[in-house]
C-alpha atoms as a PDB file:
ATOM      1  CA  MET A   1       7.297  25.085  -7.167  1.00  0.00           C
ATOM      2  CA  ALA A   2       4.754  25.655  -9.958  1.00  0.00           C
ATOM      3  CA  ASP A   3       6.036  22.625 -11.877  1.00  0.00           C
ATOM      4  CA  VAL A   4       5.620  20.216  -8.973  1.00  0.00           C
ATOM      5  CA  ASP A   5       2.586  17.977  -8.532  1.00  0.00           C
ATOM      6  CA  ILE A   6       2.156  16.997  -4.919  1.00  0.00           C
ATOM      7  CA  ASN A   7       0.179  13.841  -4.043  1.00  0.00           C
ATOM      8  CA  VAL A   8      -0.894  13.992  -0.388  1.00  0.00           C
ATOM      9  CA  GLY A   9      -3.012  10.833  -0.596  1.00  0.00           C
ATOM     10  CA  GLU A  10      -0.585   8.922   1.601  1.00  0.00           C
ATOM     11  CA  SER A  11       0.004  11.776   4.012  1.00  0.00           C
ATOM     12  CA  PRO A  12      -1.894  12.786   7.149  1.00  0.00           C
ATOM     13  CA  PHE A  13      -3.205  15.916   5.365  1.00  0.00           C
ATOM     14  CA  GLN A  14      -6.701  16.108   3.940  1.00  0.00           C
ATOM     15  CA  ALA A  15      -7.227  17.535   0.461  1.00  0.00           C
ATOM     16  CA  SER A  16      -6.796  21.283   0.751  1.00  0.00           C
ATOM     17  CA  PRO A  17      -6.036  24.277  -1.510  1.00  0.00           C
ATOM     18  CA  VAL A  18      -3.252  25.065   0.957  1.00  0.00           C
ATOM     19  CA  THR A  19      -0.048  23.112   0.354  1.00  0.00           C
ATOM     20  CA  PRO A  20       1.674  22.098   3.612  1.00  0.00           C
ATOM     21  CA  GLU A  21       5.214  23.367   4.200  1.00  0.00           C
ATOM     22  CA  THR A  22       7.644  20.696   3.114  1.00  0.00           C
ATOM     23  CA  PHE A  23      11.172  19.820   4.230  1.00  0.00           C
ATOM     24  CA  ASP A  24      14.086  17.631   3.249  1.00  0.00           C
ATOM     25  CA  GLU A  25      15.885  15.048   5.375  1.00  0.00           C
ATOM     26  CA  ASP A  26      18.295  17.606   6.858  1.00  0.00           C
ATOM     27  CA  HIS A  27      15.484  19.592   8.511  1.00  0.00           C
ATOM     28  CA  VAL A  28      15.724  19.420  12.307  1.00  0.00           C
ATOM     29  CA  ILE A  29      12.632  18.670  14.314  1.00  0.00           C
ATOM     30  CA  ARG A  30      12.035  18.657  18.037  1.00  0.00           C
ATOM     31  CA  PHE A  31      10.179  15.512  19.113  1.00  0.00           C
ATOM     32  CA  ARG A  32      10.230  12.484  21.378  1.00  0.00           C
ATOM     33  CA  CYS A  33       7.558   9.960  22.332  1.00  0.00           C
ATOM     34  CA  HIS A  34       7.867   7.656  25.346  1.00  0.00           C
ATOM     35  CA  LYS A  35       5.662   5.745  27.757  1.00  0.00           C
ATOM     36  CA  ASP A  36       5.813   8.355  30.539  1.00  0.00           C
ATOM     37  CA  ILE A  37       4.697  11.244  28.362  1.00  0.00           C
ATOM     38  CA  GLU A  38       1.353  12.843  29.279  1.00  0.00           C
ATOM     39  CA  CYS A  39      -0.209  12.078  25.879  1.00  0.00           C
ATOM     40  CA  PHE A  40       0.980   8.451  25.584  1.00  0.00           C
ATOM     41  CA  ASN A  41      -1.422   6.420  23.372  1.00  0.00           C
ATOM     42  CA  ALA A  42      -3.472   9.509  22.497  1.00  0.00           C
ATOM     43  CA  CYS A  43      -2.607   9.293  18.780  1.00  0.00           C
ATOM     44  CA  CYS A  44      -3.766   5.643  18.798  1.00  0.00           C
ATOM     45  CA  ARG A  45      -7.239   6.491  20.140  1.00  0.00           C
ATOM     46  CA  ASN A  46      -8.405   8.183  16.964  1.00  0.00           C
ATOM     47  CA  ILE A  47      -6.811   6.570  13.949  1.00  0.00           C
ATOM     48  CA  ASP A  48      -6.734   7.084  10.176  1.00  0.00           C
ATOM     49  CA  ILE A  49      -3.931   4.807   9.047  1.00  0.00           C
ATOM     50  CA  THR A  50      -3.399   3.828   5.486  1.00  0.00           C
ATOM     51  CA  LEU A  51      -1.499   0.571   5.053  1.00  0.00           C
ATOM     52  CA  THR A  52       1.125  -0.153   2.399  1.00  0.00           C
ATOM     53  CA  PRO A  53       1.400  -3.622   0.925  1.00  0.00           C
ATOM     54  CA  TYR A  54       4.589  -4.163   2.933  1.00  0.00           C
ATOM     55  CA  ASP A  55       2.792  -3.090   6.123  1.00  0.00           C
ATOM     56  CA  ILE A  56       0.255  -5.828   5.543  1.00  0.00           C
ATOM     57  CA  ILE A  57       3.004  -8.481   5.014  1.00  0.00           C
ATOM     58  CA  ARG A  58       4.719  -7.489   8.255  1.00  0.00           C
ATOM     59  CA  LEU A  59       1.510  -7.428  10.240  1.00  0.00           C
ATOM     60  CA  LYS A  60       0.038 -10.679   8.967  1.00  0.00           C
ATOM     61  CA  GLN A  61       3.388 -12.445   9.566  1.00  0.00           C
ATOM     62  CA  HIS A  62       3.543 -10.966  13.100  1.00  0.00           C
ATOM     63  CA  LEU A  63      -0.007 -12.239  13.851  1.00  0.00           C
ATOM     64  CA  GLY A  64       0.629 -15.590  12.160  1.00  0.00           C
ATOM     65  CA  ILE A  65      -2.421 -15.423   9.929  1.00  0.00           C
ATOM     66  CA  THR A  66      -3.115 -15.210   6.198  1.00  0.00           C
ATOM     67  CA  SER A  67      -3.344 -11.928   4.363  1.00  0.00           C
ATOM     68  CA  GLY A  68      -7.045 -12.666   3.721  1.00  0.00           C
ATOM     69  CA  ALA A  69      -7.769 -13.182   7.388  1.00  0.00           C
ATOM     70  CA  PHE A  70      -5.880 -10.018   8.280  1.00  0.00           C
ATOM     71  CA  LEU A  71      -7.722  -7.944   5.717  1.00  0.00           C
ATOM     72  CA  LYS A  72     -11.085  -9.221   6.924  1.00  0.00           C
ATOM     73  CA  LYS A  73     -10.503  -8.599  10.635  1.00  0.00           C
ATOM     74  CA  TYR A  74      -8.251  -5.584  10.777  1.00  0.00           C
ATOM     75  CA  THR A  75      -8.848  -3.426   7.684  1.00  0.00           C
ATOM     76  CA  VAL A  76     -11.374  -1.515   5.628  1.00  0.00           C
ATOM     77  CA  PRO A  77     -10.944  -0.617   1.908  1.00  0.00           C
ATOM     78  CA  PHE A  78     -11.293   2.866   0.512  1.00  0.00           C
ATOM     79  CA  GLU A  79     -10.814   4.599  -2.817  1.00  0.00           C
ATOM     80  CA  LEU A  80      -7.368   6.036  -3.485  1.00  0.00           C
ATOM     81  CA  ALA A  81      -8.812   7.729  -6.523  1.00  0.00           C
ATOM     82  CA  ALA A  82     -12.429   8.335  -7.488  1.00  0.00           C
ATOM     83  CA  ASN A  83     -13.969   5.278  -9.203  1.00  0.00           C
ATOM     84  CA  SER A  84     -10.505   3.760  -9.303  1.00  0.00           C
ATOM     85  CA  ILE A  85      -7.973   1.765  -7.384  1.00  0.00           C
ATOM     86  CA  ALA A  86      -8.413   0.887  -3.721  1.00  0.00           C
ATOM     87  CA  GLY A  87      -6.337   1.447  -0.664  1.00  0.00           C
ATOM     88  CA  VAL A  88      -6.604  -0.200   2.735  1.00  0.00           C
ATOM     89  CA  LYS A  89      -6.910   1.423   6.131  1.00  0.00           C
ATOM     90  CA  VAL A  90      -6.638  -0.040   9.645  1.00  0.00           C
ATOM     91  CA  ARG A  91     -10.123  -0.875  11.034  1.00  0.00           C
ATOM     92  CA  PRO A  92     -10.675   0.730  14.452  1.00  0.00           C
ATOM     93  CA  VAL A  93     -12.222  -1.116  17.372  1.00  0.00           C
ATOM     94  CA  GLU A  94     -15.911  -1.958  17.064  1.00  0.00           C
ATOM     95  CA  GLY A  95     -18.076   1.128  17.670  1.00  0.00           C
ATOM     96  CA  GLY A  96     -14.999   3.344  18.283  1.00  0.00           C
ATOM     97  CA  THR A  97     -12.020   5.120  16.803  1.00  0.00           C
ATOM     98  CA  ALA A  98      -9.111   3.508  18.639  1.00  0.00           C
ATOM     99  CA  CYS A  99      -6.652   1.170  16.992  1.00  0.00           C
ATOM    100  CA  GLN A 100      -7.284  -2.572  17.605  1.00  0.00           C
ATOM    101  CA  PHE A 101      -3.578  -2.968  18.390  1.00  0.00           C
ATOM    102  CA  MET A 102      -3.475  -0.380  21.198  1.00  0.00           C
ATOM    103  CA  THR A 103      -2.992  -1.588  24.737  1.00  0.00           C
ATOM    104  CA  ASP A 104      -2.304   0.201  28.019  1.00  0.00           C
ATOM    105  CA  GLU A 105       1.370  -0.642  27.544  1.00  0.00           C
ATOM    106  CA  GLY A 106       1.384   0.761  24.002  1.00  0.00           C
ATOM    107  CA  CYS A 107       1.244  -0.845  20.588  1.00  0.00           C
ATOM    108  CA  SER A 108       0.934  -4.662  20.695  1.00  0.00           C
ATOM    109  CA  VAL A 109       2.558  -4.988  17.234  1.00  0.00           C
ATOM    110  CA  TYR A 110       5.219  -2.281  17.808  1.00  0.00           C
ATOM    111  CA  GLU A 111       8.071  -4.133  16.097  1.00  0.00           C
ATOM    112  CA  ASP A 112       5.958  -4.491  12.940  1.00  0.00           C
ATOM    113  CA  ARG A 113       3.869  -1.305  13.204  1.00  0.00           C
ATOM    114  CA  PRO A 114       2.747   0.387   9.953  1.00  0.00           C
ATOM    115  CA  THR A 115       4.714   2.982   8.005  1.00  0.00           C
ATOM    116  CA  ALA A 116       2.355   5.809   8.999  1.00  0.00           C
ATOM    117  CA  CYS A 117       2.796   5.060  12.723  1.00  0.00           C
ATOM    118  CA  ARG A 118       6.593   4.977  12.370  1.00  0.00           C
ATOM    119  CA  TYR A 119       6.593   8.368  10.627  1.00  0.00           C
ATOM    120  CA  TYR A 120       4.382  10.245  13.081  1.00  0.00           C
ATOM    121  CA  PRO A 121       4.640  13.242  13.556  1.00  0.00           C
ATOM    122  CA  VAL A 122       6.369  13.494  10.174  1.00  0.00           C
ATOM    123  CA  GLY A 123       4.327  13.100   7.027  1.00  0.00           C
ATOM    124  CA  LEU A 124       5.789  11.546   3.875  1.00  0.00           C
ATOM    125  CA  LEU A 125       4.707  13.270   0.688  1.00  0.00           C
ATOM    126  CA  SER A 126       5.148  11.815  -2.805  1.00  0.00           C
ATOM    127  CA  MET A 127       6.117  14.528  -5.233  1.00  0.00           C
ATOM    128  CA  ARG A 128       6.393  14.271  -9.025  1.00  0.00           C
ATOM    129  CA  ARG A 129       7.716  16.995 -11.311  1.00  0.00           C
ATOM    130  CA  ALA A 130       5.746  17.637 -14.464  1.00  0.00           C
ATOM    131  CA  ASP A 131       8.671  16.566 -16.677  1.00  0.00           C
ATOM    132  CA  GLU A 132       9.556  13.400 -14.723  1.00  0.00           C
ATOM    133  CA  ASN A 133       7.969   9.984 -14.422  1.00  0.00           C
ATOM    134  CA  PHE A 134       9.173   9.127 -10.895  1.00  0.00           C
ATOM    135  CA  ASP A 135       8.393  10.344  -7.460  1.00  0.00           C
ATOM    136  CA  ARG A 136      10.513  12.329  -5.037  1.00  0.00           C
ATOM    137  CA  ALA A 137      10.293  12.163  -1.265  1.00  0.00           C
ATOM    138  CA  SER A 138       9.479  15.249   0.747  1.00  0.00           C
ATOM    139  CA  TYR A 139       8.356  15.623   4.320  1.00  0.00           C
ATOM    140  CA  ALA A 140       5.967  17.765   6.413  1.00  0.00           C
ATOM    141  CA  LEU A 141       5.486  18.118  10.178  1.00  0.00           C
ATOM    142  CA  VAL A 142       2.163  17.238  11.794  1.00  0.00           C
ATOM    143  CA  ARG A 143       1.210  19.244  14.890  1.00  0.00           C
ATOM    144  CA  GLU A 144      -1.866  18.111  16.847  1.00  0.00           C
ATOM    145  CA  ASP A 145      -3.042  19.751  20.037  1.00  0.00           C
ATOM    146  CA  HIS A 146      -3.008  16.494  22.020  1.00  0.00           C
ATOM    147  CA  CYS A 147       0.640  15.654  21.189  1.00  0.00           C
ATOM    148  CA  LYS A 148       3.196  16.803  23.756  1.00  0.00           C
ATOM    149  CA  GLY A 149       6.111  15.125  21.998  1.00  0.00           C
ATOM    150  CA  HIS A 150       6.934  18.448  20.327  1.00  0.00           C
ATOM    151  CA  LEU A 151       7.687  19.944  23.770  1.00  0.00           C
ATOM    152  CA  GLU A 152      10.326  17.302  24.592  1.00  0.00           C
ATOM    153  CA  ASP A 153      13.975  18.476  24.832  1.00  0.00           C
ATOM    154  CA  ARG A 154      15.352  16.482  21.869  1.00  0.00           C
ATOM    155  CA  GLU A 155      16.354  17.649  18.433  1.00  0.00           C
ATOM    156  CA  ILE A 156      16.797  15.287  15.509  1.00  0.00           C
ATOM    157  CA  THR A 157      16.940  15.574  11.781  1.00  0.00           C
ATOM    158  CA  ILE A 158      14.149  13.940   9.727  1.00  0.00           C
ATOM    159  CA  GLY A 159      16.792  11.692   8.155  1.00  0.00           C
ATOM    160  CA  GLU A 160      18.019  10.543  11.570  1.00  0.00           C
ATOM    161  CA  TYR A 161      14.415  10.052  12.692  1.00  0.00           C
ATOM    162  CA  ARG A 162      13.639   7.865   9.679  1.00  0.00           C
ATOM    163  CA  LYS A 163      16.620   5.635  10.517  1.00  0.00           C
ATOM    164  CA  GLU A 164      15.653   5.485  14.180  1.00  0.00           C
ATOM    165  CA  GLN A 165      12.101   4.411  13.323  1.00  0.00           C
ATOM    166  CA  GLY A 166      13.194   1.725  10.841  1.00  0.00           C
ATOM    167  CA  LEU A 167      11.742   3.579   7.884  1.00  0.00           C
ATOM    168  CA  VAL A 168      14.608   3.113   5.387  1.00  0.00           C
ATOM    169  CA  GLU A 169      13.468  -0.479   4.788  1.00  0.00           C
ATOM    170  CA  TYR A 170       9.760   0.355   4.868  1.00  0.00           C
ATOM    171  CA  ASP A 171      10.111   3.191   2.348  1.00  0.00           C
ATOM    172  CA  GLU A 172      12.272   1.068  -0.025  1.00  0.00           C
ATOM    173  CA  LEU A 173       9.711  -1.733   0.021  1.00  0.00           C
ATOM    174  CA  GLY A 174       6.763   0.645  -0.319  1.00  0.00           C
ATOM    175  CA  ARG A 175       8.245   2.777  -3.117  1.00  0.00           C
ATOM    176  CA  ALA A 176       6.948   0.654  -6.025  1.00  0.00           C
ATOM    177  CA  TRP A 177       3.413   0.850  -4.631  1.00  0.00           C
ATOM    178  CA  ARG A 178       3.603   4.643  -4.209  1.00  0.00           C
ATOM    179  CA  GLN A 179       4.910   5.033  -7.730  1.00  0.00           C
ATOM    180  CA  LEU A 180       2.108   2.827  -9.031  1.00  0.00           C
ATOM    181  CA  ILE A 181      -0.531   4.989  -7.339  1.00  0.00           C
ATOM    182  CA  LEU A 182       1.041   8.134  -8.735  1.00  0.00           C
ATOM    183  CA  LYS A 183       1.055   6.456 -12.189  1.00  0.00           C
ATOM    184  CA  VAL A 184      -2.608   5.578 -12.036  1.00  0.00           C
ATOM    185  CA  LYS A 185      -3.565   9.057 -10.795  1.00  0.00           C
ATOM    186  CA  SER A 186      -1.445  10.904 -13.334  1.00  0.00           C
ATOM    187  CA  ALA A 187      -2.543   8.684 -16.235  1.00  0.00           C
ATOM    188  CA  GLY A 188      -6.202   9.646 -15.540  1.00  0.00           C
ATOM    189  CA  PRO A 189      -8.429   9.419 -18.636  1.00  0.00           C
ATOM    190  CA  SER A 190      -5.561   8.133 -20.789  1.00  0.00           C
ATOM    191  CA  ILE A 191      -5.996   4.645 -19.371  1.00  0.00           C
ATOM    192  CA  GLY A 192      -9.752   4.821 -19.598  1.00  0.00           C
ATOM    193  CA  LYS A 193     -12.209   3.464 -17.056  1.00  0.00           C
ATOM    194  CA  LEU A 194     -10.606   0.521 -15.273  1.00  0.00           C
ATOM    195  CA  SER A 195     -12.524  -2.723 -15.518  1.00  0.00           C
ATOM    196  CA  LYS A 196     -13.848  -4.471 -12.465  1.00  0.00           C
ATOM    197  CA  THR A 197     -11.397  -7.298 -13.162  1.00  0.00           C
ATOM    198  CA  SER A 198      -8.469  -4.894 -13.250  1.00  0.00           C
ATOM    199  CA  LEU A 199      -9.508  -3.238  -9.998  1.00  0.00           C
ATOM    200  CA  GLN A 200      -9.887  -6.631  -8.359  1.00  0.00           C
ATOM    201  CA  PHE A 201      -6.487  -7.728  -9.672  1.00  0.00           C
ATOM    202  CA  PHE A 202      -4.827  -4.570  -8.295  1.00  0.00           C
ATOM    203  CA  PHE A 203      -6.286  -5.262  -4.861  1.00  0.00           C
ATOM    204  CA  LEU A 204      -5.307  -8.942  -4.959  1.00  0.00           C
ATOM    205  CA  ALA A 205      -1.666  -8.401  -6.098  1.00  0.00           C
ATOM    206  CA  CYS A 206      -1.104  -5.449  -3.756  1.00  0.00           C
ATOM    207  CA  TYR A 207      -2.759  -6.483  -0.530  1.00  0.00           C
ATOM    208  CA  ASP A 208      -3.842 -10.156  -0.469  1.00  0.00           C
ATOM    209  CA  VAL A 209      -0.512 -11.892  -1.157  1.00  0.00           C
ATOM    210  CA  ASP A 210      -1.638 -15.306   0.014  1.00  0.00           C
ATOM    211  CA  ARG A 211      -4.541 -15.399  -2.461  1.00  0.00           C
ATOM    212  CA  PHE A 212      -2.257 -13.968  -5.139  1.00  0.00           C
ATOM    213  CA  ARG A 213       0.082 -16.891  -4.479  1.00  0.00           C
ATOM    214  CA  GLU A 214      -2.853 -19.261  -5.117  1.00  0.00           C
ATOM    215  CA  PHE A 215      -3.320 -17.482  -8.425  1.00  0.00           C
ATOM    216  CA  ILE A 216       0.340 -18.089  -9.297  1.00  0.00           C
ATOM    217  CA  LYS A 217      -0.253 -21.770  -8.622  1.00  0.00           C
ATOM    218  CA  SER A 218      -3.326 -21.939 -10.862  1.00  0.00           C
ATOM    219  CA  SER A 219      -3.490 -23.672 -14.221  1.00  0.00           C
ATOM    220  CA  GLY A 220      -4.797 -20.415 -15.791  1.00  0.00           C
ATOM    221  CA  PHE A 221      -1.523 -18.656 -14.799  1.00  0.00           C
ATOM    222  CA  GLU A 222       0.589 -21.573 -15.921  1.00  0.00           C
ATOM    223  CA  GLN A 223      -1.105 -21.630 -19.314  1.00  0.00           C
ATOM    224  CA  SER A 224      -0.643 -17.849 -19.875  1.00  0.00           C
ATOM    225  CA  PHE A 225       2.843 -16.990 -18.521  1.00  0.00           C
ATOM    226  CA  VAL A 226       6.317 -18.430 -18.682  1.00  0.00           C
ATOM    227  CA  ILE A 227       8.443 -18.313 -15.536  1.00  0.00           C
ATOM    228  CA  ASP A 228      11.376 -20.606 -14.669  1.00  0.00           C
ATOM    229  CA  ASP A 229      11.295 -23.172 -11.809  1.00  0.00           C
ATOM    230  CA  ALA A 230      13.574 -21.125  -9.551  1.00  0.00           C
ATOM    231  CA  THR A 231      11.373 -18.023  -9.826  1.00  0.00           C
ATOM    232  CA  ARG A 232       8.249 -20.135  -9.301  1.00  0.00           C
ATOM    233  CA  SER A 233       9.741 -21.717  -6.152  1.00  0.00           C
ATOM    234  CA  GLU A 234      10.705 -18.271  -4.828  1.00  0.00           C
ATOM    235  CA  LEU A 235       7.198 -16.883  -5.445  1.00  0.00           C
ATOM    236  CA  LEU A 236       5.640 -19.819  -3.586  1.00  0.00           C
ATOM    237  CA  GLU A 237       7.848 -19.291  -0.523  1.00  0.00           C
ATOM    238  CA  ASP A 238       8.822 -15.589  -0.285  1.00  0.00           C
ATOM    239  CA  ASP A 239       6.203 -12.908   0.323  1.00  0.00           C
ATOM    240  CA  LEU A 240       8.552 -10.065  -0.700  1.00  0.00           C
ATOM    241  CA  ALA A 241       9.376 -11.767  -3.984  1.00  0.00           C
ATOM    242  CA  LEU A 242       5.618 -12.158  -4.550  1.00  0.00           C
ATOM    243  CA  LEU A 243       5.111  -8.494  -3.757  1.00  0.00           C
ATOM    244  CA  ARG A 244       7.660  -7.382  -6.386  1.00  0.00           C
ATOM    245  CA  PHE A 245       6.211  -9.822  -8.927  1.00  0.00           C
ATOM    246  CA  GLY A 246       2.704  -8.483  -8.229  1.00  0.00           C
ATOM    247  CA  ASP A 247       3.896  -4.998  -9.079  1.00  0.00           C
ATOM    248  CA  ARG A 248       5.221  -6.261 -12.425  1.00  0.00           C
ATOM    249  CA  MET A 249       1.950  -8.035 -13.191  1.00  0.00           C
ATOM    250  CA  ILE A 250      -0.174  -4.968 -12.346  1.00  0.00           C
ATOM    251  CA  ARG A 251       1.952  -2.841 -14.649  1.00  0.00           C
ATOM    252  CA  GLN A 252       1.597  -5.440 -17.381  1.00  0.00           C
ATOM    253  CA  VAL A 253      -2.139  -5.801 -16.976  1.00  0.00           C
ATOM    254  CA  MET A 254      -2.918  -2.078 -16.539  1.00  0.00           C
ATOM    255  CA  PHE A 255      -0.221  -0.299 -18.525  1.00  0.00           C
ATOM    256  CA  ALA A 256       0.967  -2.918 -20.989  1.00  0.00           C
ATOM    257  CA  GLU A 257       4.510  -2.834 -19.581  1.00  0.00           C
ATOM    258  CA  GLU A 258       5.488  -6.285 -20.762  1.00  0.00           C
ATOM    259  CA  THR A 259       8.120  -7.765 -18.403  1.00  0.00           C
ATOM    260  CA  ILE A 260       6.611 -11.246 -17.886  1.00  0.00           C
ATOM    261  CA  GLU A 261       6.824 -13.576 -20.831  1.00  0.00           C
ATOM    262  CA  LYS A 262       3.547 -14.959 -22.175  1.00  0.00           C
ATOM    263  CA  THR A 263       3.109 -18.391 -23.584  1.00  0.00           C
ATOM    264  CA  SER A 264       2.785 -18.542 -27.398  1.00  0.00           C
ATOM    265  CA  ASP A 265      -0.870 -19.538 -27.251  1.00  0.00           C
ATOM    266  CA  ALA A 266      -1.826 -17.448 -24.178  1.00  0.00           C
ATOM    267  CA  TYR A 267      -4.555 -15.499 -26.030  1.00  0.00           C
ATOM    268  CA  GLU A 268      -6.210 -18.603 -27.531  1.00  0.00           C
ATOM    269  CA  LYS A 269      -6.283 -20.256 -24.092  1.00  0.00           C
ATOM    270  CA  LEU A 270      -7.758 -17.160 -22.528  1.00  0.00           C
ATOM    271  CA  VAL A 271     -10.552 -17.070 -25.161  1.00  0.00           C
ATOM    272  CA  GLY A 272     -11.161 -20.744 -24.543  1.00  0.00           C
ATOM    273  CA  ARG A 273     -11.516 -20.319 -20.766  1.00  0.00           C
ATOM    274  CA  ARG A 274     -13.877 -17.376 -21.222  1.00  0.00           C
ATOM    275  CA  THR A 275     -15.963 -19.292 -23.727  1.00  0.00           C
ATOM    276  CA  GLU A 276     -16.211 -22.223 -21.312  1.00  0.00           C
ATOM    277  CA  ALA A 277     -17.123 -19.885 -18.450  1.00  0.00           C
ATOM    278  CA  ARG A 278     -19.804 -18.310 -20.628  1.00  0.00           C
ATOM    279  CA  LYS A 279     -21.267 -21.709 -21.449  1.00  0.00           C
ATOM    280  CA  ILE A 280     -21.395 -22.655 -17.781  1.00  0.00           C
ATOM    281  CA  SER A 281     -23.059 -19.326 -16.908  1.00  0.00           C
ATOM    282  CA  GLU A 282     -25.677 -19.753 -19.605  1.00  0.00           C
ATOM    283  CA  GLU A 283     -26.339 -23.365 -18.544  1.00  0.00           C
ATOM    284  CA  PHE A 284     -27.065 -22.244 -14.952  1.00  0.00           C
ATOM    285  CA  GLY A 285     -28.955 -19.096 -16.032  1.00  0.00           C
ATOM    286  CA  ASP A 286     -26.340 -16.656 -14.810  1.00  0.00           C
ATOM    287  CA  GLU A 287     -25.187 -13.619 -16.751  1.00  0.00           C
ATOM    288  CA  PRO A 288     -21.429 -13.724 -17.314  1.00  0.00           C
ATOM    289  CA  GLU A 289     -19.536 -10.584 -16.264  1.00  0.00           C
END
């Protein structure tokens, strides 16, 4: 395993010199969680839940609010890499550690619960071999003293458990984001220090899809990029289409992976907008960024 880089940033394991034992989908675990179990809700009383972009879309749709409103009320940002891109965690209740979505009857958003909650007590690890530029899925088992689900008389493979918990769809729609994080981390110094604008754009395109949609509607975007009417209509109506398009834009902005056509005079218009912004800043006595 010497040629394997393991990223545990999305797993329940803290950074450690000890690599957790990993398994494939055929590994059999013994686990069952249900309302009558002694430890019911215990795992929701002390949370550390990282959200994927798809998690946010499912939750904000479930609650019937915008992504911006969801982020403000239910999440806190954190650094996925030092002085680099941000991730988002579920914000616990005020003054406590319990999940805001926990009730006596269980999870109030259960049908749209996050990826990490669906996986528990299995941890998904993103693995990348030194000679490859894509991630491989591997799994680890989390054992916590409070959890009695491991004592239940049911055996199931990790693959079967993933299907049972609806994780096939969640993993497929979260894969591009995981690969992007691995790409940023593995690129390291080669991409240099990311600008404040790049970091803000990463957060916008990944997590705040409704504000990202407003950006797609803006004259600045229209003057800089060429997209057909059918694609534009899809982006204005479909959160998942917007999520995929955001991944493409991040890769184009941060890694120069050109997949979105630019207008012929995009650079000149960008310079013009920045010049105008600088003039306005100088007029009002503000320093432009």
